[in-house]
N, C-alpha and C. Protein backbone atom coordinates (compact mmCIF):
# COMPACT_ATOMS: atom_id res chain seq x y z
N MET A 1 221.18 196.86 204.65
CA MET A 1 220.77 197.70 205.62
C MET A 1 219.58 198.58 205.13
N ASP A 2 218.51 198.82 205.70
CA ASP A 2 217.62 199.81 205.31
C ASP A 2 218.06 201.09 206.02
N ARG A 3 217.13 202.25 205.66
CA ARG A 3 217.45 203.42 206.35
C ARG A 3 217.50 203.49 207.88
N MET A 4 216.68 202.66 208.37
CA MET A 4 216.18 202.60 209.68
C MET A 4 217.91 201.89 210.66
N GLY A 5 218.76 201.35 209.88
CA GLY A 5 219.76 200.55 210.25
C GLY A 5 219.53 199.20 210.61
N THR A 6 218.43 198.45 210.18
CA THR A 6 218.29 197.09 210.46
C THR A 6 218.69 196.29 209.18
N VAL A 7 219.05 195.31 209.32
CA VAL A 7 219.64 194.27 208.48
C VAL A 7 218.47 193.45 208.19
N THR A 8 218.38 193.32 206.77
CA THR A 8 217.18 192.43 206.16
C THR A 8 217.89 191.27 205.34
N VAL A 9 217.46 190.24 205.92
CA VAL A 9 218.14 189.10 205.52
C VAL A 9 217.15 188.09 204.58
N VAL A 10 217.68 187.88 203.58
CA VAL A 10 216.92 187.05 202.46
C VAL A 10 217.37 185.62 202.50
N ARG A 11 216.61 184.86 202.76
CA ARG A 11 216.87 183.27 203.13
C ARG A 11 216.41 182.49 201.97
N CYS A 12 216.96 181.36 201.49
CA CYS A 12 216.27 180.34 201.03
C CYS A 12 216.29 179.12 201.72
N PRO A 13 215.43 178.99 202.40
CA PRO A 13 215.29 178.14 203.43
C PRO A 13 214.77 176.60 203.09
N ALA A 14 214.36 176.21 201.96
CA ALA A 14 214.07 175.12 201.33
C ALA A 14 215.00 174.71 200.28
N MET A 15 215.01 173.30 199.95
CA MET A 15 215.77 172.84 198.81
C MET A 15 215.15 173.20 197.56
N LEU A 16 215.48 173.57 196.43
CA LEU A 16 214.70 174.03 195.26
C LEU A 16 214.59 172.54 194.65
N TRP A 17 213.44 172.77 193.80
CA TRP A 17 212.96 171.57 193.20
C TRP A 17 213.95 171.03 192.16
N PHE A 18 214.85 171.69 191.64
CA PHE A 18 215.89 171.27 190.69
C PHE A 18 217.09 170.52 191.68
N GLU A 19 217.49 171.23 192.72
CA GLU A 19 218.46 170.71 193.65
C GLU A 19 217.91 169.22 193.98
N ARG A 20 216.42 169.22 194.30
CA ARG A 20 216.10 167.61 194.56
C ARG A 20 216.17 166.96 193.66
N GLU A 21 215.91 167.41 192.42
CA GLU A 21 216.05 166.44 191.31
C GLU A 21 217.38 165.97 191.07
N VAL A 22 218.22 166.76 191.13
CA VAL A 22 219.89 166.29 191.01
C VAL A 22 220.19 165.48 192.03
N VAL A 23 219.81 165.49 193.32
CA VAL A 23 219.83 164.71 194.36
C VAL A 23 219.35 163.45 194.07
N GLY A 24 218.35 163.41 193.41
CA GLY A 24 217.54 162.12 193.17
C GLY A 24 218.34 161.26 192.15
N ALA A 25 218.68 162.03 191.34
CA ALA A 25 219.60 161.51 189.98
C ALA A 25 220.93 160.67 190.71
N LEU A 26 221.42 161.60 191.65
CA LEU A 26 223.09 161.05 192.00
C LEU A 26 222.69 160.26 192.89
N VAL A 27 221.95 160.05 193.90
CA VAL A 27 221.69 158.90 194.92
C VAL A 27 222.09 157.64 193.90
N THR A 28 222.71 156.83 194.76
CA THR A 28 223.01 155.19 194.16
C THR A 28 222.05 154.31 194.72
N SER A 29 221.67 154.39 195.90
CA SER A 29 220.67 153.45 196.47
C SER A 29 219.17 153.71 195.92
N GLU A 30 218.62 152.46 195.86
CA GLU A 30 217.16 152.57 195.39
C GLU A 30 216.48 152.39 196.56
N ASP A 31 216.92 152.23 197.83
CA ASP A 31 216.12 152.04 199.16
C ASP A 31 215.73 153.67 199.49
N ARG A 32 214.26 153.53 199.54
CA ARG A 32 213.59 154.94 199.80
C ARG A 32 214.22 155.53 201.23
N THR A 33 214.19 154.83 202.01
CA THR A 33 214.93 155.35 203.35
C THR A 33 216.07 155.89 203.09
N VAL A 34 216.93 155.55 202.50
CA VAL A 34 218.39 156.14 202.27
C VAL A 34 218.18 157.14 201.46
N ARG A 35 217.28 157.02 200.43
CA ARG A 35 217.36 158.14 199.31
C ARG A 35 216.67 159.24 200.16
N SER A 36 215.51 159.22 201.07
CA SER A 36 215.19 160.41 201.85
C SER A 36 216.07 160.92 202.74
N SER A 37 216.77 160.10 203.34
CA SER A 37 217.99 160.38 204.26
C SER A 37 219.15 161.32 203.60
N VAL A 38 219.36 160.74 202.54
CA VAL A 38 220.48 161.67 201.76
C VAL A 38 219.91 162.81 201.22
N GLU A 39 218.57 162.99 200.80
CA GLU A 39 217.96 164.15 200.72
C GLU A 39 217.96 165.30 201.77
N ALA A 40 217.61 164.53 202.93
CA ALA A 40 217.38 165.58 204.25
C ALA A 40 219.04 165.96 204.51
N PHE A 41 219.81 165.13 204.39
CA PHE A 41 221.46 165.72 204.53
C PHE A 41 221.74 166.73 203.71
N VAL A 42 221.21 166.69 202.20
CA VAL A 42 221.79 167.53 201.28
C VAL A 42 220.97 168.97 201.78
N ASP A 43 219.70 168.81 201.93
CA ASP A 43 218.60 169.83 202.52
C ASP A 43 219.45 170.51 203.48
N GLY A 44 219.67 169.90 204.58
CA GLY A 44 220.48 170.54 205.70
C GLY A 44 221.64 171.13 205.47
N SER A 45 222.57 170.75 204.66
CA SER A 45 223.93 171.18 204.23
C SER A 45 223.44 172.44 203.78
N LEU A 46 222.60 172.59 202.83
CA LEU A 46 222.18 173.53 201.76
C LEU A 46 221.88 174.82 202.57
N ARG A 47 221.05 174.53 203.58
CA ARG A 47 220.53 175.32 204.55
C ARG A 47 221.68 175.98 205.47
N ASP A 48 222.56 175.20 206.05
CA ASP A 48 223.68 175.72 206.76
C ASP A 48 224.67 176.20 206.22
N MET A 49 224.62 176.58 204.79
CA MET A 49 225.53 177.51 203.94
C MET A 49 225.57 178.76 204.20
N PRO A 50 226.54 179.57 204.44
CA PRO A 50 226.54 181.14 204.49
C PRO A 50 225.61 181.79 203.34
N GLU A 51 224.72 182.69 203.86
CA GLU A 51 223.70 183.21 202.96
C GLU A 51 224.28 183.85 201.37
N LEU A 52 225.71 184.19 201.42
CA LEU A 52 226.18 184.51 200.17
C LEU A 52 226.29 183.37 199.22
N LEU A 53 226.92 182.13 199.68
CA LEU A 53 227.13 181.01 199.12
C LEU A 53 225.91 180.26 198.67
N ARG A 54 225.00 180.37 199.64
CA ARG A 54 223.52 179.79 199.43
C ARG A 54 222.93 180.51 198.24
N ALA A 55 223.05 181.88 198.14
CA ALA A 55 222.29 182.81 197.09
C ALA A 55 222.73 182.38 195.90
N GLY A 56 224.20 182.10 195.78
CA GLY A 56 224.88 181.78 194.42
C GLY A 56 224.25 180.18 194.07
N VAL A 57 224.37 179.38 194.94
CA VAL A 57 223.75 178.06 194.66
C VAL A 57 222.44 178.03 194.08
N ALA A 58 221.66 178.68 194.81
CA ALA A 58 220.18 178.89 194.68
C ALA A 58 220.07 179.65 193.04
N GLY A 59 220.82 180.89 192.75
CA GLY A 59 220.68 181.30 191.42
C GLY A 59 221.26 180.20 190.41
N GLU A 60 221.95 179.53 190.66
CA GLU A 60 222.41 178.44 189.80
C GLU A 60 221.48 177.31 189.49
N SER A 61 220.81 176.89 190.58
CA SER A 61 219.74 175.96 190.52
C SER A 61 218.45 176.60 189.78
N VAL A 62 218.21 177.72 190.00
CA VAL A 62 216.95 178.26 189.38
C VAL A 62 217.24 178.44 187.75
N LEU A 63 218.51 178.84 187.26
CA LEU A 63 218.64 179.00 186.11
C LEU A 63 218.94 177.48 185.40
N LEU A 64 219.60 176.78 186.03
CA LEU A 64 219.58 175.31 185.39
C LEU A 64 218.45 174.70 185.44
N GLY A 65 217.67 174.93 186.46
CA GLY A 65 216.28 174.33 186.61
C GLY A 65 215.27 174.91 185.52
N ALA A 66 215.53 176.04 185.10
CA ALA A 66 214.79 176.60 183.88
C ALA A 66 215.09 175.97 182.51
N TYR A 67 216.43 175.65 182.40
CA TYR A 67 216.74 175.12 181.23
C TYR A 67 216.31 173.46 181.24
N ALA A 68 216.50 172.90 182.50
CA ALA A 68 216.04 171.50 182.61
C ALA A 68 214.60 171.36 182.35
N ALA A 69 213.96 172.33 182.76
CA ALA A 69 212.40 172.42 182.59
C ALA A 69 212.06 172.42 181.04
N VAL A 70 212.76 173.44 180.34
CA VAL A 70 212.66 173.36 178.70
C VAL A 70 213.09 171.97 178.27
N LEU A 71 214.21 171.34 178.45
CA LEU A 71 214.39 170.08 178.07
C LEU A 71 213.39 169.17 178.45
N ARG A 72 213.04 169.16 179.53
CA ARG A 72 211.72 168.11 179.85
C ARG A 72 210.35 168.26 179.13
N ALA A 73 210.21 169.50 178.75
CA ALA A 73 209.12 169.69 178.25
C ALA A 73 209.11 169.30 176.88
N ARG A 74 210.34 169.37 176.20
CA ARG A 74 210.60 168.78 174.72
C ARG A 74 211.03 167.08 174.91
N GLY A 75 210.68 166.62 176.12
CA GLY A 75 210.85 165.24 176.21
C GLY A 75 212.34 164.52 176.31
N ARG A 76 213.18 165.59 176.49
CA ARG A 76 214.63 165.44 176.30
C ARG A 76 215.65 165.23 177.70
N LEU A 77 214.65 165.08 178.83
CA LEU A 77 215.42 164.94 180.14
C LEU A 77 214.86 163.96 180.95
N ASP A 78 215.52 163.16 181.61
CA ASP A 78 214.96 162.08 182.26
C ASP A 78 216.21 161.81 183.45
N ARG A 79 216.20 160.83 184.22
CA ARG A 79 217.28 160.83 185.09
C ARG A 79 218.69 160.91 184.73
N ASP A 80 218.73 160.01 183.74
CA ASP A 80 219.97 159.98 183.01
C ASP A 80 220.49 161.45 182.34
N GLY A 81 219.49 161.93 181.73
CA GLY A 81 219.92 163.46 181.28
C GLY A 81 220.19 164.18 182.11
N VAL A 82 219.57 164.20 183.52
CA VAL A 82 220.07 165.17 184.65
C VAL A 82 221.71 164.95 184.83
N ILE A 83 222.00 163.73 184.94
CA ILE A 83 223.37 162.94 185.07
C ILE A 83 224.31 163.83 184.12
N GLY A 84 223.55 163.64 182.66
CA GLY A 84 224.45 164.08 181.50
C GLY A 84 224.63 165.71 181.48
N LEU A 85 223.61 166.34 182.00
CA LEU A 85 223.68 167.72 182.21
C LEU A 85 224.74 168.03 183.07
N LEU A 86 224.86 167.53 184.27
CA LEU A 86 226.11 167.57 185.20
C LEU A 86 227.28 167.46 184.54
N ASP A 87 227.49 166.22 184.02
CA ASP A 87 228.77 165.94 183.25
C ASP A 87 229.29 166.97 182.38
N THR A 88 228.14 167.45 181.69
CA THR A 88 228.48 168.72 180.60
C THR A 88 228.79 169.87 181.44
N LEU A 89 228.24 170.14 182.48
CA LEU A 89 228.71 171.49 183.31
C LEU A 89 229.90 171.32 183.92
N ASP A 90 230.30 170.07 184.27
CA ASP A 90 231.37 169.87 184.95
C ASP A 90 232.66 170.03 184.07
N GLY A 91 232.47 169.82 182.60
CA GLY A 91 233.78 169.92 181.76
C GLY A 91 233.58 171.38 181.02
N LEU A 92 232.87 172.34 181.52
CA LEU A 92 232.83 173.38 180.92
C LEU A 92 234.01 174.28 181.73
N SER A 93 234.55 175.42 180.63
CA SER A 93 235.52 176.14 181.25
C SER A 93 235.20 177.35 182.23
N LEU A 94 233.66 177.34 182.41
CA LEU A 94 233.10 178.35 183.34
C LEU A 94 233.28 178.03 184.86
N PRO A 95 234.19 178.46 185.51
CA PRO A 95 234.49 177.90 186.88
C PRO A 95 232.88 178.07 187.76
N LEU A 96 232.42 178.90 187.49
CA LEU A 96 231.12 178.77 188.49
C LEU A 96 230.01 177.76 188.16
N LEU A 97 229.90 177.67 186.91
CA LEU A 97 229.06 176.51 186.56
C LEU A 97 229.57 175.34 186.68
N GLY A 98 230.89 175.21 186.70
CA GLY A 98 231.69 173.78 186.64
C GLY A 98 231.56 173.26 188.13
N GLN A 99 231.57 174.32 189.21
CA GLN A 99 231.45 174.06 190.61
C GLN A 99 230.08 173.39 190.96
N TYR A 100 229.23 173.72 190.37
CA TYR A 100 227.57 173.42 190.93
C TYR A 100 227.62 171.72 190.90
N PRO A 101 228.13 170.73 189.87
CA PRO A 101 228.03 169.64 189.86
C PRO A 101 229.01 169.01 190.90
N ARG A 102 230.09 169.71 191.31
CA ARG A 102 230.83 169.11 192.02
C ARG A 102 230.38 169.20 193.41
N LEU A 103 229.73 170.41 193.76
CA LEU A 103 229.28 170.92 194.94
C LEU A 103 228.02 169.54 195.20
N MET A 104 227.29 169.43 194.27
CA MET A 104 225.94 168.46 194.67
C MET A 104 226.62 167.14 194.63
N ARG A 105 227.40 166.55 193.74
CA ARG A 105 227.90 165.37 193.98
C ARG A 105 228.63 164.93 195.25
N SER A 106 229.58 166.01 195.67
CA SER A 106 230.09 165.86 196.89
C SER A 106 229.16 166.03 198.21
N LEU A 107 228.21 166.52 198.20
CA LEU A 107 227.11 166.49 199.14
C LEU A 107 226.61 164.99 199.23
N VAL A 108 226.20 164.83 198.14
CA VAL A 108 225.56 163.42 197.87
C VAL A 108 226.48 162.26 198.56
N LEU A 109 227.62 162.21 197.94
CA LEU A 109 228.71 161.21 198.21
C LEU A 109 228.99 161.20 199.90
N MET A 110 228.91 162.58 200.46
CA MET A 110 229.14 162.51 201.91
C MET A 110 227.81 162.02 202.55
N ALA A 111 226.70 162.03 202.13
CA ALA A 111 225.60 161.77 203.09
C ALA A 111 225.59 160.30 202.75
N GLU A 112 225.99 159.84 201.57
CA GLU A 112 225.65 158.28 201.50
C GLU A 112 226.79 157.58 202.26
N ASN A 113 228.26 158.08 202.35
CA ASN A 113 228.99 157.40 203.15
C ASN A 113 228.64 157.61 204.44
N GLU A 114 228.14 158.93 205.01
CA GLU A 114 227.88 159.04 206.33
C GLU A 114 226.72 158.06 206.96
N LEU A 115 225.66 157.72 206.08
CA LEU A 115 224.75 156.85 206.05
C LEU A 115 225.09 155.68 206.37
N THR A 116 226.12 155.27 205.41
CA THR A 116 226.67 153.89 205.42
C THR A 116 227.42 153.69 206.46
N THR A 117 228.28 154.62 207.03
CA THR A 117 229.02 154.47 208.06
C THR A 117 228.39 154.27 209.51
N GLY A 118 227.48 155.10 209.38
CA GLY A 118 226.37 155.27 210.61
C GLY A 118 225.82 153.88 210.89
N SER A 119 225.33 153.25 209.90
CA SER A 119 224.52 152.02 209.74
C SER A 119 225.64 150.96 210.28
N ALA A 120 226.70 151.03 209.50
CA ALA A 120 227.39 149.95 210.02
C ALA A 120 228.02 149.91 211.40
N ALA A 121 228.26 151.17 211.68
CA ALA A 121 228.49 151.39 213.36
C ALA A 121 227.41 150.89 214.08
N ASP A 122 226.01 151.03 213.83
CA ASP A 122 225.11 150.36 214.51
C ASP A 122 224.89 149.12 214.52
N THR A 123 225.53 148.61 213.39
CA THR A 123 225.36 146.87 213.39
C THR A 123 226.47 146.45 214.23
N ARG A 124 227.52 147.16 214.46
CA ARG A 124 228.58 146.56 215.02
C ARG A 124 228.29 146.46 216.63
N ARG A 125 227.30 147.78 216.82
CA ARG A 125 227.35 148.10 218.35
C ARG A 125 226.20 146.88 218.76
N ALA A 126 225.38 146.33 218.16
CA ALA A 126 224.15 145.53 218.32
C ALA A 126 224.76 144.19 218.41
């Protein structure tokens, strides 16, 4: 709140580049339509998060993105490297950093399952 009593809302409306990188690395399908649908689902899920939670995820994305940019500049990060980075974070004893890969994997998995279930249901109706 400012001195006038109005609430200032800080939003992170768009999916950050590192989040897009992570989603791209985690999607199992090579079909561009599925990949873009999964990305849109994850983007929507991130947008729908409560602001405090979204701010934490965005902060981790910025920090991890900076680290990933350094690795990429040194030629040590590709698609498999992003997955390896997530695996490393998942195994850390720091709970906040360990939750990031679990969140992103869960969102991608849910999106892939929703899309697969939706397309299977559409096929059955036809």
